[in-house]
């Protein structure tokens, strides 16, 4: 069975706590002074932690806002690129589908004729 290894940091923290406890027990101050000192130190620590927490929250909100703006910008740029691609593709299809020397009018006429043939003339009566 493998033995669990202990790290030096755990022993350091345990020693720190034991030292603080012994320091409080053997402090040269009177009980009231000691309690007031502990209370004021606790209040200062609480205020410090609250201030650092507010700073961290503000910093995180700033980073989130910048990220949101950047994602929005990239999304907009992507939409613009997709639209340009669609336009280019449409231009390419128009060039490929038109025959040399064919005008816009003759191409429209040819497209209408192709549509009618694909549709079959409209009704079942026309097909008889």
N, C-alpha and C. Protein backbone atom coordinates (compact mmCIF):
# COMPACT_ATOMS: atom_id res chain seq x y z
N UNK A 1 0.85 -1.17 0.00
CA UNK A 1 0.00 0.00 0.00
C UNK A 1 0.90 1.24 0.00
N UNK A 2 0.57 2.16 -0.82
CA UNK A 2 1.40 3.35 -0.98
C UNK A 2 1.09 4.35 0.14
N UNK A 3 2.13 4.91 0.73
CA UNK A 3 1.93 5.89 1.80
C UNK A 3 1.66 7.25 1.18
N UNK A 4 0.79 8.02 1.85
CA UNK A 4 0.44 9.34 1.36
C UNK A 4 1.58 10.30 1.69
N UNK A 5 2.03 11.03 0.69
CA UNK A 5 3.11 11.99 0.91
C UNK A 5 2.51 13.30 1.42
N UNK A 6 3.18 13.92 2.37
CA UNK A 6 2.73 15.21 2.87
C UNK A 6 3.66 16.28 2.35
N UNK A 7 3.11 17.42 2.08
CA UNK A 7 3.91 18.51 1.55
C UNK A 7 4.32 19.43 2.68
N UNK A 8 5.36 20.19 2.44
CA UNK A 8 5.86 21.13 3.44
C UNK A 8 4.91 22.28 3.69
N UNK A 9 4.08 22.61 2.69
CA UNK A 9 3.17 23.76 2.85
C UNK A 9 2.11 23.46 3.90
N UNK A 10 1.65 22.20 3.97
CA UNK A 10 0.65 21.85 4.99
C UNK A 10 1.21 22.01 6.40
N UNK A 11 2.45 21.56 6.60
CA UNK A 11 3.08 21.71 7.91
C UNK A 11 3.35 23.19 8.22
N UNK A 12 3.67 23.96 7.18
CA UNK A 12 3.92 25.39 7.38
C UNK A 12 2.66 26.09 7.87
N UNK A 13 1.51 25.79 7.22
CA UNK A 13 0.24 26.41 7.61
C UNK A 13 -0.15 25.98 9.02
N UNK A 14 0.05 24.73 9.35
CA UNK A 14 -0.28 24.25 10.70
C UNK A 14 0.59 24.96 11.73
N UNK A 15 1.87 25.13 11.42
CA UNK A 15 2.77 25.84 12.34
C UNK A 15 2.41 27.30 12.49
N UNK A 16 1.98 27.91 11.40
CA UNK A 16 1.57 29.31 11.43
C UNK A 16 0.36 29.49 12.35
N UNK A 17 -0.62 28.58 12.22
CA UNK A 17 -1.81 28.67 13.08
C UNK A 17 -1.47 28.45 14.54
N UNK A 18 -0.61 27.48 14.81
CA UNK A 18 -0.20 27.21 16.19
C UNK A 18 0.56 28.39 16.77
N UNK A 19 1.41 29.01 15.96
CA UNK A 19 2.16 30.18 16.42
C UNK A 19 1.25 31.35 16.72
N UNK A 20 0.23 31.57 15.91
CA UNK A 20 -0.72 32.66 16.15
C UNK A 20 -1.48 32.41 17.44
N UNK A 21 -1.89 31.18 17.65
CA UNK A 21 -2.62 30.84 18.86
C UNK A 21 -1.76 31.07 20.10
N UNK A 22 -0.51 30.63 20.06
CA UNK A 22 0.38 30.83 21.20
C UNK A 22 0.68 32.31 21.40
N UNK A 23 0.79 33.06 20.32
CA UNK A 23 1.04 34.50 20.43
C UNK A 23 -0.10 35.22 21.12
N UNK A 24 -1.31 34.83 20.82
CA UNK A 24 -2.48 35.44 21.47
C UNK A 24 -2.52 35.07 22.94
N UNK A 25 -2.21 33.82 23.25
CA UNK A 25 -2.26 33.38 24.65
C UNK A 25 -1.21 34.08 25.51
N UNK A 26 -0.04 34.33 24.96
CA UNK A 26 1.04 34.91 25.75
C UNK A 26 1.28 36.38 25.42
N UNK A 27 0.29 37.05 24.88
CA UNK A 27 0.45 38.46 24.51
C UNK A 27 0.57 39.33 25.76
N UNK A 28 1.41 40.39 25.68
CA UNK A 28 1.58 41.26 26.85
C UNK A 28 0.41 42.22 27.05
N UNK A 29 -0.53 42.29 26.14
CA UNK A 29 -1.65 43.23 26.28
C UNK A 29 -2.71 42.62 27.18
N UNK A 30 -3.56 43.52 27.69
CA UNK A 30 -4.70 43.09 28.51
C UNK A 30 -5.76 42.49 27.58
N UNK A 31 -6.68 41.78 28.14
CA UNK A 31 -7.72 41.11 27.36
C UNK A 31 -8.54 42.06 26.50
N UNK A 32 -8.94 43.19 27.07
CA UNK A 32 -9.75 44.16 26.34
C UNK A 32 -8.96 44.75 25.17
N UNK A 33 -7.71 45.12 25.39
CA UNK A 33 -6.88 45.69 24.32
C UNK A 33 -6.66 44.67 23.20
N UNK A 34 -6.45 43.43 23.61
CA UNK A 34 -6.23 42.38 22.64
C UNK A 34 -7.47 42.17 21.78
N UNK A 35 -8.64 42.13 22.40
CA UNK A 35 -9.89 41.95 21.66
C UNK A 35 -10.14 43.13 20.72
N UNK A 36 -9.91 44.33 21.19
CA UNK A 36 -10.10 45.52 20.34
C UNK A 36 -9.14 45.49 19.15
N UNK A 37 -7.91 45.08 19.42
CA UNK A 37 -6.93 44.97 18.34
C UNK A 37 -7.34 43.92 17.31
N UNK A 38 -7.82 42.78 17.80
CA UNK A 38 -8.28 41.73 16.89
C UNK A 38 -9.49 42.19 16.08
N UNK A 39 -10.41 42.88 16.73
CA UNK A 39 -11.61 43.37 16.04
C UNK A 39 -11.25 44.40 14.97
N UNK A 40 -10.37 45.33 15.31
CA UNK A 40 -9.99 46.35 14.33
C UNK A 40 -9.22 45.73 13.15
N UNK A 41 -8.37 44.76 13.46
CA UNK A 41 -7.65 44.07 12.38
C UNK A 41 -8.63 43.30 11.50
N UNK A 42 -9.61 42.68 12.10
CA UNK A 42 -10.61 41.93 11.33
C UNK A 42 -11.41 42.87 10.44
N UNK A 43 -11.79 44.04 10.98
CA UNK A 43 -12.54 45.03 10.18
C UNK A 43 -11.70 45.54 9.01
N UNK A 44 -10.43 45.84 9.29
CA UNK A 44 -9.55 46.31 8.22
C UNK A 44 -9.38 45.25 7.14
N UNK A 45 -9.24 44.00 7.59
CA UNK A 45 -9.09 42.90 6.62
C UNK A 45 -10.35 42.74 5.79
N UNK A 46 -11.51 42.88 6.43
CA UNK A 46 -12.78 42.76 5.73
C UNK A 46 -12.91 43.86 4.68
N UNK A 47 -12.56 45.09 5.05
CA UNK A 47 -12.63 46.21 4.11
C UNK A 47 -11.65 46.02 2.95
N UNK A 48 -10.47 45.50 3.25
CA UNK A 48 -9.47 45.27 2.21
C UNK A 48 -9.98 44.21 1.23
N UNK A 49 -10.52 43.13 1.77
CA UNK A 49 -11.04 42.05 0.91
C UNK A 49 -12.21 42.56 0.07
N UNK A 50 -13.09 43.37 0.66
CA UNK A 50 -14.23 43.91 -0.08
C UNK A 50 -13.74 44.84 -1.20
N UNK A 51 -12.75 45.67 -0.91
CA UNK A 51 -12.22 46.58 -1.93
C UNK A 51 -11.55 45.80 -3.06
N UNK A 52 -10.77 44.80 -2.71
CA UNK A 52 -10.12 43.98 -3.75
C UNK A 52 -11.16 43.21 -4.56
N UNK A 53 -12.21 42.75 -3.90
CA UNK A 53 -13.29 42.06 -4.60
C UNK A 53 -13.98 42.97 -5.60
N UNK A 54 -14.22 44.22 -5.20
CA UNK A 54 -14.84 45.20 -6.11
C UNK A 54 -13.92 45.48 -7.29
N UNK A 55 -12.62 45.63 -7.02
CA UNK A 55 -11.67 45.87 -8.11
C UNK A 55 -11.66 44.69 -9.08
N UNK A 56 -11.66 43.49 -8.54
CA UNK A 56 -11.65 42.29 -9.39
C UNK A 56 -12.93 42.22 -10.21
N UNK A 57 -14.07 42.51 -9.58
CA UNK A 57 -15.36 42.47 -10.29
C UNK A 57 -15.38 43.50 -11.42
N UNK A 58 -14.89 44.72 -11.15
CA UNK A 58 -14.83 45.76 -12.18
C UNK A 58 -13.92 45.34 -13.33
N UNK A 59 -12.79 44.76 -12.99
CA UNK A 59 -11.84 44.33 -14.01
C UNK A 59 -12.44 43.21 -14.87
N UNK A 60 -13.12 42.26 -14.23
CA UNK A 60 -13.75 41.17 -14.97
C UNK A 60 -14.85 41.71 -15.87
N UNK A 61 -15.67 42.63 -15.36
CA UNK A 61 -16.73 43.22 -16.18
C UNK A 61 -16.15 43.94 -17.39
N UNK A 62 -15.03 44.62 -17.19
CA UNK A 62 -14.37 45.31 -18.30
C UNK A 62 -13.91 44.33 -19.36
N UNK A 63 -13.31 43.23 -18.93
CA UNK A 63 -12.83 42.22 -19.88
C UNK A 63 -14.01 41.59 -20.60
N UNK A 64 -15.09 41.30 -19.89
CA UNK A 64 -16.28 40.71 -20.51
C UNK A 64 -16.88 41.66 -21.54
N UNK A 65 -16.96 42.94 -21.20
CA UNK A 65 -17.51 43.93 -22.13
C UNK A 65 -16.65 44.03 -23.39
N UNK A 66 -15.33 44.04 -23.21
CA UNK A 66 -14.44 44.08 -24.38
C UNK A 66 -14.61 42.85 -25.23
N UNK A 67 -14.73 41.69 -24.59
CA UNK A 67 -14.93 40.44 -25.32
C UNK A 67 -16.25 40.45 -26.08
N UNK A 68 -17.29 40.95 -25.45
CA UNK A 68 -18.60 41.04 -26.10
C UNK A 68 -18.53 41.95 -27.33
N UNK A 69 -17.86 43.09 -27.18
CA UNK A 69 -17.71 44.01 -28.31
C UNK A 69 -16.92 43.37 -29.44
N UNK A 70 -15.88 42.64 -29.08
CA UNK A 70 -15.04 41.99 -30.09
C UNK A 70 -15.83 40.90 -30.83
N UNK A 71 -16.60 40.11 -30.10
CA UNK A 71 -17.42 39.07 -30.74
C UNK A 71 -18.44 39.72 -31.67
N UNK A 72 -19.05 40.80 -31.22
CA UNK A 72 -20.02 41.51 -32.05
C UNK A 72 -19.37 42.02 -33.33
N UNK A 73 -18.16 42.58 -33.19
CA UNK A 73 -17.43 43.10 -34.35
C UNK A 73 -17.10 41.97 -35.32
N UNK A 74 -16.61 40.85 -34.79
CA UNK A 74 -16.27 39.72 -35.66
C UNK A 74 -17.52 39.14 -36.33
N UNK A 75 -18.63 39.12 -35.62
CA UNK A 75 -19.87 38.62 -36.20
C UNK A 75 -20.30 39.51 -37.36
N UNK A 76 -20.23 40.81 -37.14
CA UNK A 76 -20.60 41.75 -38.20
C UNK A 76 -19.68 41.61 -39.41
N UNK A 77 -18.39 41.47 -39.15
CA UNK A 77 -17.44 41.29 -40.25
C UNK A 77 -17.70 39.99 -41.00
N UNK A 78 -18.08 38.94 -40.28
CA UNK A 78 -18.40 37.66 -40.89
C UNK A 78 -19.64 37.77 -41.77
N UNK A 79 -20.66 38.48 -41.29
CA UNK A 79 -21.87 38.68 -42.09
C UNK A 79 -21.56 39.44 -43.37
N UNK A 80 -20.72 40.48 -43.24
CA UNK A 80 -20.34 41.26 -44.42
C UNK A 80 -19.57 40.41 -45.41
N UNK A 81 -18.66 39.59 -44.93
CA UNK A 81 -17.88 38.72 -45.81
C UNK A 81 -18.79 37.70 -46.49
N UNK A 82 -19.74 37.15 -45.76
CA UNK A 82 -20.68 36.18 -46.35
C UNK A 82 -21.52 36.85 -47.43
N UNK A 83 -21.96 38.07 -47.18
CA UNK A 83 -22.75 38.79 -48.18
C UNK A 83 -21.92 39.07 -49.43
N UNK A 84 -20.68 39.48 -49.25
CA UNK A 84 -19.80 39.70 -50.40
C UNK A 84 -19.59 38.39 -51.17
N UNK A 85 -19.45 37.29 -50.46
CA UNK A 85 -19.29 36.00 -51.10
C UNK A 85 -20.53 35.61 -51.90
N UNK A 86 -21.71 35.85 -51.34
CA UNK A 86 -22.95 35.57 -52.06
C UNK A 86 -23.03 36.40 -53.34
N UNK A 87 -22.68 37.67 -53.23
CA UNK A 87 -22.72 38.54 -54.40
C UNK A 87 -21.75 38.06 -55.47
N UNK A 88 -20.54 37.70 -55.05
CA UNK A 88 -19.54 37.20 -56.00
C UNK A 88 -20.02 35.91 -56.65
N UNK A 89 -20.60 35.02 -55.86
CA UNK A 89 -21.08 33.75 -56.39
C UNK A 89 -22.21 34.00 -57.39
N UNK A 90 -23.08 34.93 -57.07
CA UNK A 90 -24.17 35.27 -57.98
C UNK A 90 -23.61 35.83 -59.29
N UNK A 91 -22.59 36.68 -59.20
CA UNK A 91 -21.96 37.23 -60.41
C UNK A 91 -21.33 36.11 -61.25
N UNK A 92 -20.67 35.18 -60.61
CA UNK A 92 -20.03 34.07 -61.31
C UNK A 92 -21.09 33.22 -62.00
N UNK A 93 -22.18 32.91 -61.30
CA UNK A 93 -23.24 32.12 -61.90
C UNK A 93 -23.86 32.83 -63.09
N UNK A 94 -24.03 34.14 -62.97
CA UNK A 94 -24.58 34.91 -64.09
C UNK A 94 -23.66 34.83 -65.30
N UNK A 95 -22.36 34.96 -65.08
CA UNK A 95 -21.40 34.91 -66.18
C UNK A 95 -21.35 33.52 -66.81
N UNK A 96 -21.41 32.49 -66.01
CA UNK A 96 -21.33 31.12 -66.51
C UNK A 96 -22.61 30.75 -67.25
N UNK A 97 -23.75 31.18 -66.75
CA UNK A 97 -25.02 30.79 -67.37
C UNK A 97 -25.29 31.54 -68.66
N UNK A 98 -24.67 32.68 -68.88
CA UNK A 98 -24.90 33.42 -70.13
C UNK A 98 -23.95 32.93 -71.20
N UNK A 99 -24.48 32.86 -72.42
CA UNK A 99 -23.68 32.43 -73.56
C UNK A 99 -22.98 33.64 -74.15
N UNK A 100 -21.87 33.45 -74.84
CA UNK A 100 -21.18 34.58 -75.46
C UNK A 100 -22.10 35.29 -76.45
N UNK A 101 -22.13 36.60 -76.37
CA UNK A 101 -22.95 37.41 -77.25
C UNK A 101 -24.40 37.50 -76.83
N UNK A 102 -24.79 36.82 -75.77
CA UNK A 102 -26.18 36.84 -75.32
C UNK A 102 -26.42 38.10 -74.48
N UNK A 103 -27.52 38.77 -74.76
CA UNK A 103 -27.85 39.98 -73.99
C UNK A 103 -28.72 39.61 -72.81
N UNK A 104 -28.93 40.56 -71.96
CA UNK A 104 -29.76 40.35 -70.77
C UNK A 104 -31.19 39.98 -71.18
N UNK A 105 -31.67 40.61 -72.23
CA UNK A 105 -33.04 40.38 -72.69
C UNK A 105 -33.21 38.95 -73.23
N UNK A 106 -32.26 38.51 -74.04
CA UNK A 106 -32.38 37.15 -74.59
C UNK A 106 -32.19 36.10 -73.51
N UNK A 107 -31.35 36.39 -72.53
CA UNK A 107 -31.16 35.44 -71.42
C UNK A 107 -32.43 35.34 -70.59
N UNK A 108 -33.12 36.47 -70.34
CA UNK A 108 -34.37 36.45 -69.59
C UNK A 108 -35.43 35.67 -70.34
N UNK A 109 -35.48 35.84 -71.66
CA UNK A 109 -36.44 35.10 -72.48
C UNK A 109 -36.15 33.60 -72.41
N UNK A 110 -34.87 33.23 -72.50
CA UNK A 110 -34.48 31.83 -72.42
C UNK A 110 -34.83 31.24 -71.05
N UNK A 111 -34.58 32.02 -69.99
CA UNK A 111 -34.89 31.55 -68.64
C UNK A 111 -36.38 31.33 -68.47
N UNK A 112 -37.22 32.23 -69.03
CA UNK A 112 -38.67 32.07 -68.92
C UNK A 112 -39.13 30.82 -69.66
N UNK A 113 -38.57 30.58 -70.84
CA UNK A 113 -38.91 29.41 -71.63
C UNK A 113 -38.53 28.13 -70.87
N UNK A 114 -37.35 28.14 -70.24
CA UNK A 114 -36.90 26.99 -69.46
C UNK A 114 -37.82 26.75 -68.27
N UNK A 115 -38.28 27.83 -67.64
CA UNK A 115 -39.19 27.71 -66.51
C UNK A 115 -40.52 27.10 -66.93
N UNK A 116 -41.04 27.51 -68.11
CA UNK A 116 -42.30 26.97 -68.59
C UNK A 116 -42.18 25.49 -68.91
N UNK A 117 -41.06 25.10 -69.50
CA UNK A 117 -40.85 23.69 -69.82
C UNK A 117 -40.75 22.86 -68.55
N UNK A 118 -40.09 23.39 -67.55
CA UNK A 118 -39.94 22.66 -66.28
C UNK A 118 -41.27 22.56 -65.57
N UNK A 119 -42.12 23.58 -65.72
CA UNK A 119 -43.42 23.60 -65.05
C UNK A 119 -44.41 22.72 -65.78
N UNK A 120 -44.23 22.53 -67.04
CA UNK A 120 -45.10 21.65 -67.79
C UNK A 120 -46.33 22.33 -68.35
N UNK A 121 -46.31 23.64 -68.44
CA UNK A 121 -47.44 24.33 -69.05
C UNK A 121 -48.53 24.68 -68.08
N UNK A 122 -48.48 24.30 -66.88
CA UNK A 122 -49.42 24.78 -65.87
C UNK A 122 -50.43 23.77 -65.42
N UNK A 123 -51.32 23.27 -66.29
CA UNK A 123 -52.40 22.40 -65.84
C UNK A 123 -52.34 21.06 -66.54
N UNK A 124 -53.14 20.13 -66.07
CA UNK A 124 -53.18 18.81 -66.68
C UNK A 124 -53.84 18.88 -68.06
N UNK A 125 -54.73 19.85 -68.27
CA UNK A 125 -55.39 20.01 -69.56
C UNK A 125 -54.38 20.38 -70.64
N UNK A 126 -53.40 21.20 -70.29
CA UNK A 126 -52.40 21.63 -71.26
C UNK A 126 -51.48 20.49 -71.64
N UNK A 127 -51.39 19.49 -70.83
CA UNK A 127 -50.47 18.40 -71.11
C UNK A 127 -51.10 17.35 -72.02
N UNK A 128 -52.41 17.39 -72.24
CA UNK A 128 -53.08 16.40 -73.09
C UNK A 128 -52.93 16.66 -74.53
